[in-house]
Amino acid sequence: MKAWKAMTAGGPLLKSLSDSIDQTLTECTTKLHGKEDIASCIEKRLSRRTTELVLSGGWRRFLGGSLEIADRILSDVSTAYERIYGHVVDLRFKLIDRGLVGTGSGLFASIFEVGLEVDWMFGLPYYPASSVKGAVRSAAEELLGADAADRLFGSSGSEGSVAAVAFSDAYPVGCLKGSRHPCLIVTGDVVTPHYFRPDWGRVVDSELDARPTPIQHLAIAPGTVFRVVMGLDTARIRGASEVVGRAVKRKLLSSEEAGLGDTALLLLVARLVAATLASGFAARSGKGYNVLLPLLEGEGLHRTIVSLKVRRGGR
């Protein structure tokens, strides 16, 4: 029963959202008459109520169970990848600051203008496999060259090659134990674009015309620990020794590690992923978002989710 409730976390969330929308529409349309006033009322109240619902509401009661289930499923994925590909790279990373992915079309994009990618089965924010693989591939192209990246991650076109590395989605599986951050998984955030004027419908020509417009939205909380699993089929890598040689030149592998056969390739993939996530990827990476560092030996996890107290008033 606990597992089922965790896996259907989206149900109570959607029901609460629906009730909140109905209440907001009723309040705004009965008290106001002008279209612009009604629209402004709906925007402000719905944004506030959604924030309160997500940060302090019942959704959080399910997240602890969802973290446990996501961890178990990724363990099953690891076993399956080992059977299919022969080798597995199984990594955990801690989110240093806030995380953000799926800004354009993720959950709540229509309410906050900034969305968040959320798995509807678990009710958890996550990084899609395609986003992780794309970022790692770009790093491999820069560090090892485009042809080496093709050998590891595949290529398209008439003479395309099959990828030797398969990625799972990266799901949160807990929070960093002993972190200065509480275990929240999802937290509130705000962005203030200064150079776009909604009333003009365009970017301003001069900073004198800028008008800050704070936009509240949701983000992944600092201290969240993510797990990503990769399957590696070393038999698919053409010229593996050349790829390893380049990795040695770029100091991704030592000379001793280069002689370890398939283990050298596993280390290379793990370090490419670690280097990519440590430099930040996905939305707003240039502003410190989505920076993940490897979970160190001895750093524990916990899955006790706490709620934030959302201050009423304002927007």
Protein backbone atom coordinates (compact mmCIF):
# COMPACT_ATOMS: atom_id res chain seq x y z
CA MET A 1 0.00 0.00 0.00
CA LYS A 2 2.82 2.41 0.85
CA ALA A 3 4.48 1.73 -2.51
CA TRP A 4 1.22 2.23 -4.38
CA LYS A 5 0.57 5.55 -2.66
CA ALA A 6 4.06 6.73 -3.54
CA MET A 7 3.69 5.72 -7.18
CA THR A 8 0.36 7.55 -7.48
CA ALA A 9 1.67 10.76 -5.90
CA GLY A 10 0.55 12.75 -8.91
CA GLY A 11 -3.12 11.92 -8.21
CA PRO A 12 -3.58 13.92 -4.97
CA LEU A 13 -1.44 16.69 -6.40
CA LEU A 14 -3.60 17.04 -9.51
CA LYS A 15 -6.81 16.91 -7.45
CA SER A 16 -5.55 19.63 -5.12
CA LEU A 17 -4.48 21.74 -8.10
CA SER A 18 -7.90 21.35 -9.70
CA ASP A 19 -9.65 22.42 -6.50
CA SER A 20 -7.31 25.40 -6.13
CA ILE A 21 -7.98 26.52 -9.71
CA ASP A 22 -11.75 26.27 -9.23
CA GLN A 23 -11.60 28.26 -6.00
CA THR A 24 -9.39 30.93 -7.56
CA LEU A 25 -11.66 31.33 -10.59
CA THR A 26 -14.73 31.67 -8.37
CA GLU A 27 -13.15 34.28 -6.10
CA CYS A 28 -11.70 36.40 -8.90
CA THR A 29 -14.74 36.39 -11.19
CA THR A 30 -17.26 37.17 -8.44
CA LYS A 31 -15.30 40.08 -6.97
CA LEU A 32 -13.93 41.69 -10.15
CA HIS A 33 -15.37 42.63 -13.52
CA GLY A 34 -12.68 43.99 -15.86
CA LYS A 35 -10.80 41.34 -17.89
CA GLU A 36 -7.39 42.73 -16.96
CA ASP A 37 -8.24 42.84 -13.26
CA ILE A 38 -9.57 39.27 -13.33
CA ALA A 39 -6.48 38.00 -15.17
CA SER A 40 -4.15 39.72 -12.70
CA CYS A 41 -6.12 38.32 -9.76
CA ILE A 42 -5.97 34.77 -11.15
CA GLU A 43 -2.25 35.00 -11.87
CA LYS A 44 -1.32 36.25 -8.40
CA ARG A 45 -3.60 34.01 -6.37
CA LEU A 46 -2.98 30.86 -8.36
CA SER A 47 0.77 31.35 -8.24
CA ARG A 48 0.68 31.79 -4.46
CA ARG A 49 -1.69 28.89 -3.82
CA THR A 50 0.25 26.52 -6.06
CA THR A 51 3.48 27.39 -4.26
CA GLU A 52 1.82 26.75 -0.90
CA LEU A 53 0.34 23.47 -2.13
CA VAL A 54 3.61 22.09 -3.46
CA LEU A 55 5.92 23.29 -0.69
CA SER A 56 3.68 22.74 2.32
CA GLY A 57 0.91 20.44 1.12
CA GLY A 58 0.20 16.74 0.93
CA TRP A 59 2.47 16.13 -2.06
CA ARG A 60 5.46 15.90 0.26
CA ARG A 61 3.94 13.03 2.26
CA PHE A 62 4.48 10.78 -0.75
CA LEU A 63 7.97 11.86 -1.72
CA GLY A 64 9.85 9.74 0.83
CA GLY A 65 8.23 6.58 -0.52
CA SER A 66 8.82 7.74 -4.09
CA LEU A 67 12.54 8.17 -3.42
CA GLU A 68 12.78 4.62 -2.14
CA ILE A 69 10.90 3.21 -5.13
CA ALA A 70 12.99 5.20 -7.62
CA ASP A 71 16.15 3.83 -5.97
CA ARG A 72 14.85 0.25 -6.23
CA ILE A 73 13.85 0.67 -9.87
CA LEU A 74 17.28 2.07 -10.74
CA SER A 75 18.81 -1.00 -9.08
CA ASP A 76 16.69 -3.12 -11.40
CA VAL A 77 17.84 -1.00 -14.35
CA SER A 78 21.45 -1.57 -13.27
CA THR A 79 20.92 -5.34 -13.25
CA ALA A 80 19.24 -5.24 -16.66
CA TYR A 81 22.00 -3.07 -18.17
CA GLU A 82 24.65 -5.47 -16.89
CA ARG A 83 22.88 -8.38 -18.58
CA ILE A 84 22.35 -6.51 -21.85
CA TYR A 85 25.56 -4.50 -22.18
CA GLY A 86 28.00 -6.46 -20.04
CA HIS A 87 29.18 -3.53 -17.89
CA VAL A 88 27.49 -0.96 -15.67
CA VAL A 89 28.48 2.48 -14.36
CA ASP A 90 26.24 3.33 -11.39
CA LEU A 91 26.77 6.81 -9.93
CA ARG A 92 25.25 9.09 -7.29
CA PHE A 93 25.62 12.86 -7.24
CA LYS A 94 24.66 15.59 -4.77
CA LEU A 95 23.09 18.82 -6.00
CA ILE A 96 25.19 21.71 -4.73
CA ASP A 97 22.73 24.53 -5.33
CA ARG A 98 19.31 24.64 -6.96
CA GLY A 99 18.37 22.48 -9.91
CA LEU A 100 16.15 23.32 -12.85
CA VAL A 101 15.12 21.30 -15.91
CA GLY A 102 12.12 21.41 -18.25
CA THR A 103 11.61 25.15 -17.91
CA GLY A 104 9.65 25.54 -21.14
CA SER A 105 7.10 22.76 -20.87
CA GLY A 106 7.48 21.12 -17.47
CA LEU A 107 4.97 21.02 -14.63
CA PHE A 108 3.45 24.42 -13.68
CA ALA A 109 4.94 26.20 -16.73
CA SER A 110 1.52 27.66 -17.54
CA ILE A 111 1.18 29.01 -13.98
CA PHE A 112 4.69 30.21 -13.13
CA GLU A 113 6.06 30.79 -16.68
CA VAL A 114 8.98 28.57 -15.61
CA GLY A 115 8.28 24.82 -15.54
CA LEU A 116 9.95 21.87 -13.85
CA GLU A 117 10.34 18.36 -15.29
CA VAL A 118 8.41 16.01 -12.97
CA ASP A 119 7.85 12.28 -13.41
CA TRP A 120 4.11 11.68 -13.20
CA MET A 121 4.54 8.16 -11.84
CA PHE A 122 6.76 9.11 -8.89
CA GLY A 123 5.86 12.77 -8.43
CA LEU A 124 9.62 13.47 -8.44
CA PRO A 125 11.63 16.03 -10.42
CA TYR A 126 14.25 14.36 -12.59
CA TYR A 127 16.82 14.89 -15.35
CA PRO A 128 15.83 13.00 -18.52
CA ALA A 129 18.37 10.58 -19.94
CA SER A 130 18.49 12.56 -23.18
CA SER A 131 19.56 15.72 -21.31
CA VAL A 132 22.31 13.92 -19.42
CA LYS A 133 23.57 12.06 -22.48
CA GLY A 134 23.55 15.20 -24.63
CA ALA A 135 25.60 17.13 -22.08
CA VAL A 136 28.08 14.27 -21.59
CA ARG A 137 28.45 13.82 -25.33
CA SER A 138 29.24 17.53 -25.77
CA ALA A 139 31.91 17.23 -23.08
CA ALA A 140 33.36 14.15 -24.80
CA GLU A 141 33.53 15.99 -28.12
CA GLU A 142 35.41 18.84 -26.48
CA LEU A 143 37.80 16.65 -24.51
CA LEU A 144 38.34 13.69 -26.84
CA GLY A 145 37.22 14.85 -30.28
CA ALA A 146 34.03 14.30 -32.29
CA ASP A 147 35.05 10.89 -33.67
CA ALA A 148 35.82 9.51 -30.21
CA ALA A 149 32.46 10.84 -28.97
CA ASP A 150 30.77 9.03 -31.90
CA ARG A 151 32.45 5.77 -30.93
CA LEU A 152 31.16 6.05 -27.37
CA PHE A 153 27.75 7.64 -27.85
CA GLY A 154 26.86 6.77 -31.44
CA SER A 155 26.37 8.94 -34.51
CA SER A 156 23.60 9.66 -36.99
CA GLY A 157 23.58 9.79 -40.77
CA SER A 158 23.92 7.16 -43.50
CA GLU A 159 27.01 5.66 -41.84
CA GLY A 160 25.88 6.18 -38.27
CA SER A 161 27.16 3.99 -35.46
CA VAL A 162 25.27 2.44 -32.55
CA ALA A 163 25.93 3.94 -29.12
CA ALA A 164 28.10 1.88 -26.77
CA VAL A 165 26.70 3.69 -23.72
CA ALA A 166 23.05 3.71 -22.61
CA PHE A 167 21.77 6.18 -20.01
CA SER A 168 18.93 5.94 -17.52
CA ASP A 169 17.01 8.98 -16.36
CA ALA A 170 18.62 10.60 -13.32
CA TYR A 171 16.19 10.39 -10.39
CA PRO A 172 16.50 11.72 -6.85
CA VAL A 173 16.96 8.88 -4.37
CA GLY A 174 17.41 10.84 -1.14
CA CYS A 175 19.03 13.84 0.48
CA LEU A 176 22.55 14.36 1.73
CA LYS A 177 22.71 13.33 5.37
CA GLY A 178 24.12 16.00 7.61
CA SER A 179 23.73 18.69 4.94
CA ARG A 180 23.14 22.28 5.96
CA HIS A 181 20.11 22.12 3.67
CA PRO A 182 16.86 20.46 4.87
CA CYS A 183 15.51 17.54 2.85
CA LEU A 184 13.03 19.32 0.60
CA ILE A 185 13.46 17.83 -2.92
CA VAL A 186 11.40 20.75 -4.29
CA THR A 187 11.86 24.35 -3.20
CA GLY A 188 10.62 27.80 -4.16
CA ASP A 189 12.67 30.08 -6.37
CA VAL A 190 12.38 33.42 -8.10
CA VAL A 191 13.84 34.95 -11.24
CA THR A 192 13.73 38.65 -12.05
CA PRO A 193 14.11 39.42 -15.77
CA HIS A 194 15.04 43.06 -16.14
CA TYR A 195 15.21 43.51 -19.87
CA PHE A 196 11.84 42.29 -21.15
CA ARG A 197 8.78 44.52 -20.87
CA PRO A 198 5.57 42.44 -20.96
CA ASP A 199 3.54 45.60 -21.56
CA TRP A 200 5.64 46.31 -24.67
CA GLY A 201 5.98 42.70 -25.74
CA ARG A 202 9.69 43.03 -26.47
CA VAL A 203 13.16 43.47 -24.99
CA VAL A 204 13.92 47.05 -23.98
CA ASP A 205 16.30 49.19 -26.04
CA SER A 206 17.83 50.90 -23.03
CA GLU A 207 18.49 49.92 -19.43
CA LEU A 208 16.61 53.06 -18.47
CA ASP A 209 13.44 51.34 -19.70
CA ALA A 210 14.01 48.10 -17.77
CA ARG A 211 11.36 47.08 -15.29
CA PRO A 212 12.06 44.14 -12.91
CA THR A 213 9.21 41.62 -12.87
CA PRO A 214 9.79 38.87 -10.28
CA ILE A 215 8.57 35.43 -11.41
CA GLN A 216 8.04 32.82 -8.73
CA HIS A 217 8.58 29.20 -9.70
CA LEU A 218 9.72 25.82 -8.40
CA ALA A 219 13.23 24.37 -8.43
CA ILE A 220 15.00 21.25 -7.21
CA ALA A 221 16.32 21.80 -3.70
CA PRO A 222 20.03 21.86 -2.82
CA GLY A 223 21.28 18.71 -1.12
CA THR A 224 19.12 16.39 -3.25
CA VAL A 225 21.02 13.24 -4.26
CA PHE A 226 20.53 11.88 -7.77
CA ARG A 227 21.35 8.46 -9.16
CA VAL A 228 22.09 7.70 -12.83
CA VAL A 229 22.91 4.31 -14.33
CA MET A 230 24.78 3.64 -17.58
CA GLY A 231 25.25 0.42 -19.49
CA LEU A 232 28.50 0.03 -21.46
CA ASP A 233 29.05 -2.45 -24.30
CA THR A 234 32.81 -2.32 -24.88
CA ALA A 235 32.52 -4.59 -27.94
CA ARG A 236 30.72 -1.80 -29.81
CA ILE A 237 33.57 0.69 -29.43
CA ARG A 238 35.69 0.85 -32.56
CA GLY A 239 39.33 1.65 -31.84
CA ALA A 240 38.89 1.53 -28.08
CA SER A 241 42.66 1.71 -27.53
CA GLU A 242 42.80 5.00 -29.45
CA VAL A 243 39.98 6.45 -27.35
CA VAL A 244 41.81 5.41 -24.17
CA GLY A 245 45.04 6.92 -25.53
CA ARG A 246 43.36 10.27 -26.04
CA ALA A 247 41.93 10.09 -22.53
CA VAL A 248 45.46 9.61 -21.17
CA LYS A 249 46.69 12.66 -23.11
CA ARG A 250 43.84 14.75 -21.69
CA LYS A 251 44.60 13.39 -18.19
CA LEU A 252 41.20 11.73 -17.86
CA LEU A 253 43.04 8.45 -17.29
CA SER A 254 46.49 7.65 -15.92
CA SER A 255 48.96 5.46 -17.80
CA GLU A 256 48.40 2.70 -15.24
CA GLU A 257 44.62 2.89 -15.63
CA ALA A 258 44.93 2.73 -19.42
CA GLY A 259 46.24 -0.81 -19.12
CA LEU A 260 43.21 -2.10 -17.23
CA GLY A 261 41.25 -3.14 -20.33
CA ASP A 262 37.47 -2.70 -20.04
CA THR A 263 37.89 -1.10 -16.61
CA ALA A 264 39.68 1.83 -18.27
CA LEU A 265 36.60 2.48 -20.42
CA LEU A 266 34.32 2.29 -17.38
CA LEU A 267 36.51 4.82 -15.57
CA LEU A 268 36.51 7.06 -18.63
CA VAL A 269 32.72 7.11 -18.90
CA ALA A 270 32.37 7.76 -15.15
CA ARG A 271 34.81 10.67 -15.30
CA LEU A 272 33.16 12.18 -18.37
CA VAL A 273 29.82 12.13 -16.54
CA ALA A 274 31.36 13.53 -13.34
CA ALA A 275 33.15 16.34 -15.22
CA THR A 276 29.97 17.25 -17.08
CA LEU A 277 27.72 17.40 -14.02
CA ALA A 278 30.33 19.24 -11.96
CA SER A 279 30.46 22.04 -14.53
CA GLY A 280 26.68 22.41 -14.63
CA PHE A 281 24.26 21.54 -17.40
CA ALA A 282 20.64 22.12 -18.48
CA ALA A 283 18.82 25.39 -17.67
CA ARG A 284 20.69 28.33 -16.08
CA SER A 285 23.90 26.38 -15.64
CA GLY A 286 25.80 29.64 -16.17
CA LYS A 287 24.18 30.98 -13.00
CA GLY A 288 25.11 28.06 -10.78
CA TYR A 289 22.11 25.79 -11.33
CA ASN A 290 22.37 22.02 -11.93
CA VAL A 291 25.87 21.58 -10.51
CA LEU A 292 26.22 18.04 -9.15
CA LEU A 293 29.28 16.54 -7.45
CA PRO A 294 29.93 12.83 -6.83
CA LEU A 295 28.66 11.48 -3.54
CA LEU A 296 31.75 10.66 -1.48
CA GLU A 297 32.32 7.45 0.41
CA GLY A 298 30.82 7.78 3.86
CA GLU A 299 28.29 10.45 2.88
CA GLY A 300 24.93 8.97 3.83
CA LEU A 301 21.38 9.46 2.59
CA HIS A 302 18.09 10.06 4.31
CA ARG A 303 14.54 10.21 2.95
CA THR A 304 12.66 12.18 5.58
CA ILE A 305 11.04 14.99 3.61
CA VAL A 306 10.27 18.24 5.43
CA SER A 307 7.93 21.03 4.41
CA LEU A 308 8.52 24.73 4.03
CA LYS A 309 6.39 27.34 5.70
CA VAL A 310 5.14 29.61 2.95
CA ARG A 311 4.52 33.18 4.02
CA ARG A 312 1.17 34.51 2.91
CA GLY A 313 0.70 37.91 1.33
CA GLY A 314 2.58 39.61 -1.48
CA ARG A 315 2.00 38.08 -4.88
